[in-house]
Amino acid sequence: MDTLIPWQRVRVDGYSMTPTLAPGDLVLVRHGAGVRPGAIVLGRFRVLPGVPVLKRAVSPRDGGWLLTSDNARAGSDSRQHGVADVQARAVWIWHRRLGGVRGTRWSAIRRWVGEPARVRPALDL
């Protein structure tokens, strides 16, 4: 995936990453950023290439990453879908349920990175 701007704003849609991320939270991700175990990442499972997901990176495997949900009862992850290709790493989270981070101006970020993409949890197949 080629990107002109390395930053992307993503809106969480689903409960698979609670309590870390909740529906409506906004996540700023950076494409091309280094990934290490424990990082929250934007990726796509190879068996579901059309479904972007926000998950926690576990370990590198077969040229991709194994990803896991923080709330395994509410979503699926690499245990069901296998290896994922990571596209970006989360660098900042705005928790809507907490009113965000004081002093942050999303209007300035929106002008720079555009409207957020909606990320749905991986389907339970």
C-alpha atoms as a PDB file:
ATOM      1  CA  MET A   1       0.000   0.000   0.000  1.00  0.00           C
ATOM      2  CA  ASP A   2       1.557   3.280  -1.118  1.00  0.00           C
ATOM      3  CA  THR A   3       0.632   6.335   0.905  1.00  0.00           C
ATOM      4  CA  LEU A   4       1.248   9.969   0.138  1.00  0.00           C
ATOM      5  CA  ILE A   5       0.884  11.022   3.770  1.00  0.00           C
ATOM      6  CA  PRO A   6       2.332   8.666   6.374  1.00  0.00           C
ATOM      7  CA  TRP A   7      -0.320   9.609   8.969  1.00  0.00           C
ATOM      8  CA  GLN A   8      -3.894   8.326   9.048  1.00  0.00           C
ATOM      9  CA  ARG A   9      -6.710   8.865  11.509  1.00  0.00           C
ATOM     10  CA  VAL A  10      -8.783   5.761  12.253  1.00  0.00           C
ATOM     11  CA  ARG A  11     -12.089   5.482  14.158  1.00  0.00           C
ATOM     12  CA  VAL A  12     -12.604   2.338  16.264  1.00  0.00           C
ATOM     13  CA  ASP A  13     -15.774   0.360  15.502  1.00  0.00           C
ATOM     14  CA  GLY A  14     -16.100  -2.711  17.727  1.00  0.00           C
ATOM     15  CA  TYR A  15     -15.233  -4.105  21.141  1.00  0.00           C
ATOM     16  CA  SER A  16     -12.329  -6.466  20.362  1.00  0.00           C
ATOM     17  CA  MET A  17      -9.720  -4.103  21.836  1.00  0.00           C
ATOM     18  CA  THR A  18     -11.543  -3.060  25.018  1.00  0.00           C
ATOM     19  CA  PRO A  19     -10.536  -1.838  27.535  1.00  0.00           C
ATOM     20  CA  THR A  20      -7.635  -0.264  25.577  1.00  0.00           C
ATOM     21  CA  LEU A  21      -9.812   0.976  22.699  1.00  0.00           C
ATOM     22  CA  ALA A  22     -13.576   1.472  22.667  1.00  0.00           C
ATOM     23  CA  PRO A  23     -16.027   2.172  19.854  1.00  0.00           C
ATOM     24  CA  GLY A  24     -15.747   5.805  18.793  1.00  0.00           C
ATOM     25  CA  ASP A  25     -12.133   6.243  19.929  1.00  0.00           C
ATOM     26  CA  LEU A  26      -9.849   7.857  17.360  1.00  0.00           C
ATOM     27  CA  VAL A  27      -6.385   6.477  16.691  1.00  0.00           C
ATOM     28  CA  LEU A  28      -3.620   8.267  14.828  1.00  0.00           C
ATOM     29  CA  VAL A  29      -1.446   5.722  13.006  1.00  0.00           C
ATOM     30  CA  ARG A  30       1.809   6.145  11.151  1.00  0.00           C
ATOM     31  CA  HIS A  31       2.446   4.108   8.028  1.00  0.00           C
ATOM     32  CA  GLY A  32       5.961   2.733   7.796  1.00  0.00           C
ATOM     33  CA  ALA A  33       6.610   3.065  11.534  1.00  0.00           C
ATOM     34  CA  GLY A  34       8.555   0.261  13.174  1.00  0.00           C
ATOM     35  CA  VAL A  35       6.514  -2.439  14.896  1.00  0.00           C
ATOM     36  CA  ARG A  36       7.457  -4.361  18.000  1.00  0.00           C
ATOM     37  CA  PRO A  37       5.564  -6.872  20.142  1.00  0.00           C
ATOM     38  CA  GLY A  38       2.890  -5.180  22.245  1.00  0.00           C
ATOM     39  CA  ALA A  39       2.273  -2.284  19.844  1.00  0.00           C
ATOM     40  CA  ILE A  40      -1.236  -1.488  18.628  1.00  0.00           C
ATOM     41  CA  VAL A  41      -1.215  -1.743  14.850  1.00  0.00           C
ATOM     42  CA  LEU A  42      -3.437  -1.301  11.820  1.00  0.00           C
ATOM     43  CA  GLY A  43      -3.290  -4.435   9.720  1.00  0.00           C
ATOM     44  CA  ARG A  44      -5.122  -6.808   7.418  1.00  0.00           C
ATOM     45  CA  PHE A  45      -5.348 -10.560   7.838  1.00  0.00           C
ATOM     46  CA  ARG A  46      -4.193 -12.331   4.706  1.00  0.00           C
ATOM     47  CA  VAL A  47      -7.406 -14.391   4.586  1.00  0.00           C
ATOM     48  CA  LEU A  48      -9.485 -11.176   4.932  1.00  0.00           C
ATOM     49  CA  PRO A  49      -7.561  -8.623   2.845  1.00  0.00           C
ATOM     50  CA  GLY A  50     -10.515  -6.236   2.560  1.00  0.00           C
ATOM     51  CA  VAL A  51     -11.006  -5.830   6.323  1.00  0.00           C
ATOM     52  CA  PRO A  52      -8.661  -3.415   8.141  1.00  0.00           C
ATOM     53  CA  VAL A  53      -8.269  -4.160  11.854  1.00  0.00           C
ATOM     54  CA  LEU A  54      -6.702  -2.522  14.898  1.00  0.00           C
ATOM     55  CA  LYS A  55      -5.025  -5.206  17.017  1.00  0.00           C
ATOM     56  CA  ARG A  56      -2.023  -5.771  19.265  1.00  0.00           C
ATOM     57  CA  ALA A  57       1.133  -7.144  17.613  1.00  0.00           C
ATOM     58  CA  VAL A  58       2.354 -10.381  19.208  1.00  0.00           C
ATOM     59  CA  SER A  59       5.275 -11.683  17.140  1.00  0.00           C
ATOM     60  CA  PRO A  60       6.596 -11.697  13.580  1.00  0.00           C
ATOM     61  CA  ARG A  61       5.691 -14.779  11.538  1.00  0.00           C
ATOM     62  CA  ASP A  62       6.005 -15.746   7.859  1.00  0.00           C
ATOM     63  CA  GLY A  63       6.769 -12.222   6.678  1.00  0.00           C
ATOM     64  CA  GLY A  64       3.850 -10.750   8.656  1.00  0.00           C
ATOM     65  CA  TRP A  65       2.685 -10.535  12.265  1.00  0.00           C
ATOM     66  CA  LEU A  66       0.522 -12.528  14.617  1.00  0.00           C
ATOM     67  CA  LEU A  67      -2.084 -10.148  16.062  1.00  0.00           C
ATOM     68  CA  THR A  68      -4.276 -10.500  19.116  1.00  0.00           C
ATOM     69  CA  SER A  69      -7.355  -8.808  20.573  1.00  0.00           C
ATOM     70  CA  ASP A  70      -7.276  -7.330  24.067  1.00  0.00           C
ATOM     71  CA  ASN A  71     -10.823  -8.695  24.520  1.00  0.00           C
ATOM     72  CA  ALA A  72     -10.768 -12.196  23.016  1.00  0.00           C
ATOM     73  CA  ARG A  73     -14.476 -12.752  23.771  1.00  0.00           C
ATOM     74  CA  ALA A  74     -15.546  -9.838  21.572  1.00  0.00           C
ATOM     75  CA  GLY A  75     -13.524 -10.386  18.424  1.00  0.00           C
ATOM     76  CA  SER A  76     -11.253 -12.580  16.424  1.00  0.00           C
ATOM     77  CA  ASP A  77      -7.531 -12.429  15.818  1.00  0.00           C
ATOM     78  CA  SER A  78      -4.623 -14.512  14.503  1.00  0.00           C
ATOM     79  CA  ARG A  79      -5.927 -17.579  16.339  1.00  0.00           C
ATOM     80  CA  GLN A  80      -8.788 -17.651  13.833  1.00  0.00           C
ATOM     81  CA  HIS A  81      -7.319 -15.838  10.800  1.00  0.00           C
ATOM     82  CA  GLY A  82      -3.569 -16.507  10.875  1.00  0.00           C
ATOM     83  CA  VAL A  83      -0.856 -14.067   9.860  1.00  0.00           C
ATOM     84  CA  ALA A  84      -1.616 -10.408   9.151  1.00  0.00           C
ATOM     85  CA  ASP A  85       0.235  -7.770   7.178  1.00  0.00           C
ATOM     86  CA  VAL A  86       0.822  -4.685   9.329  1.00  0.00           C
ATOM     87  CA  GLN A  87       0.304  -1.379   7.551  1.00  0.00           C
ATOM     88  CA  ALA A  88       0.800   1.149  10.353  1.00  0.00           C
ATOM     89  CA  ARG A  89       1.487   1.537  14.078  1.00  0.00           C
ATOM     90  CA  ALA A  90      -0.688   3.512  16.471  1.00  0.00           C
ATOM     91  CA  VAL A  91       1.101   6.565  17.793  1.00  0.00           C
ATOM     92  CA  TRP A  92      -1.730   8.394  19.566  1.00  0.00           C
ATOM     93  CA  ILE A  93      -5.188   7.503  20.936  1.00  0.00           C
ATOM     94  CA  TRP A  94      -8.077   9.880  21.627  1.00  0.00           C
ATOM     95  CA  HIS A  95     -10.507   8.186  24.039  1.00  0.00           C
ATOM     96  CA  ARG A  96     -13.965   9.593  23.342  1.00  0.00           C
ATOM     97  CA  ARG A  97     -15.384   8.116  26.556  1.00  0.00           C
ATOM     98  CA  LEU A  98     -12.860  10.181  28.524  1.00  0.00           C
ATOM     99  CA  GLY A  99     -13.339  13.342  26.499  1.00  0.00           C
ATOM    100  CA  GLY A 100     -10.014  13.023  24.727  1.00  0.00           C
ATOM    101  CA  VAL A 101      -6.684  14.456  25.741  1.00  0.00           C
ATOM    102  CA  ARG A 102      -6.733  18.012  27.004  1.00  0.00           C
ATOM    103  CA  GLY A 103      -5.198  20.570  24.723  1.00  0.00           C
ATOM    104  CA  THR A 104      -5.374  18.444  21.583  1.00  0.00           C
ATOM    105  CA  ARG A 105      -6.806  20.093  18.505  1.00  0.00           C
ATOM    106  CA  TRP A 106      -8.316  17.417  16.255  1.00  0.00           C
ATOM    107  CA  SER A 107      -9.374  20.117  13.806  1.00  0.00           C
ATOM    108  CA  ALA A 108      -5.713  20.760  12.996  1.00  0.00           C
ATOM    109  CA  ILE A 109      -5.012  17.038  12.653  1.00  0.00           C
ATOM    110  CA  ARG A 110      -8.126  16.599  10.459  1.00  0.00           C
ATOM    111  CA  ARG A 111      -6.908  19.275   8.057  1.00  0.00           C
ATOM    112  CA  TRP A 112      -3.575  17.485   7.811  1.00  0.00           C
ATOM    113  CA  VAL A 113      -4.604  13.805   7.613  1.00  0.00           C
ATOM    114  CA  GLY A 114      -8.215  13.959   6.416  1.00  0.00           C
ATOM    115  CA  GLU A 115     -11.314  12.195   7.671  1.00  0.00           C
ATOM    116  CA  PRO A 116     -10.879   8.989   9.661  1.00  0.00           C
ATOM    117  CA  ALA A 117     -11.261   5.567   8.085  1.00  0.00           C
ATOM    118  CA  ARG A 118     -13.677   3.298   9.918  1.00  0.00           C
ATOM    119  CA  VAL A 119     -12.088   0.075  11.118  1.00  0.00           C
ATOM    120  CA  ARG A 120     -14.359  -2.824  11.938  1.00  0.00           C
ATOM    121  CA  PRO A 121     -13.318  -5.887  13.930  1.00  0.00           C
ATOM    122  CA  ALA A 122     -12.412  -8.970  11.903  1.00  0.00           C
ATOM    123  CA  LEU A 123     -15.415 -11.109  11.130  1.00  0.00           C
ATOM    124  CA  ASP A 124     -15.972 -14.243  13.143  1.00  0.00           C
ATOM    125  CA  LEU A 125     -16.056 -16.891  10.438  1.00  0.00           C
END
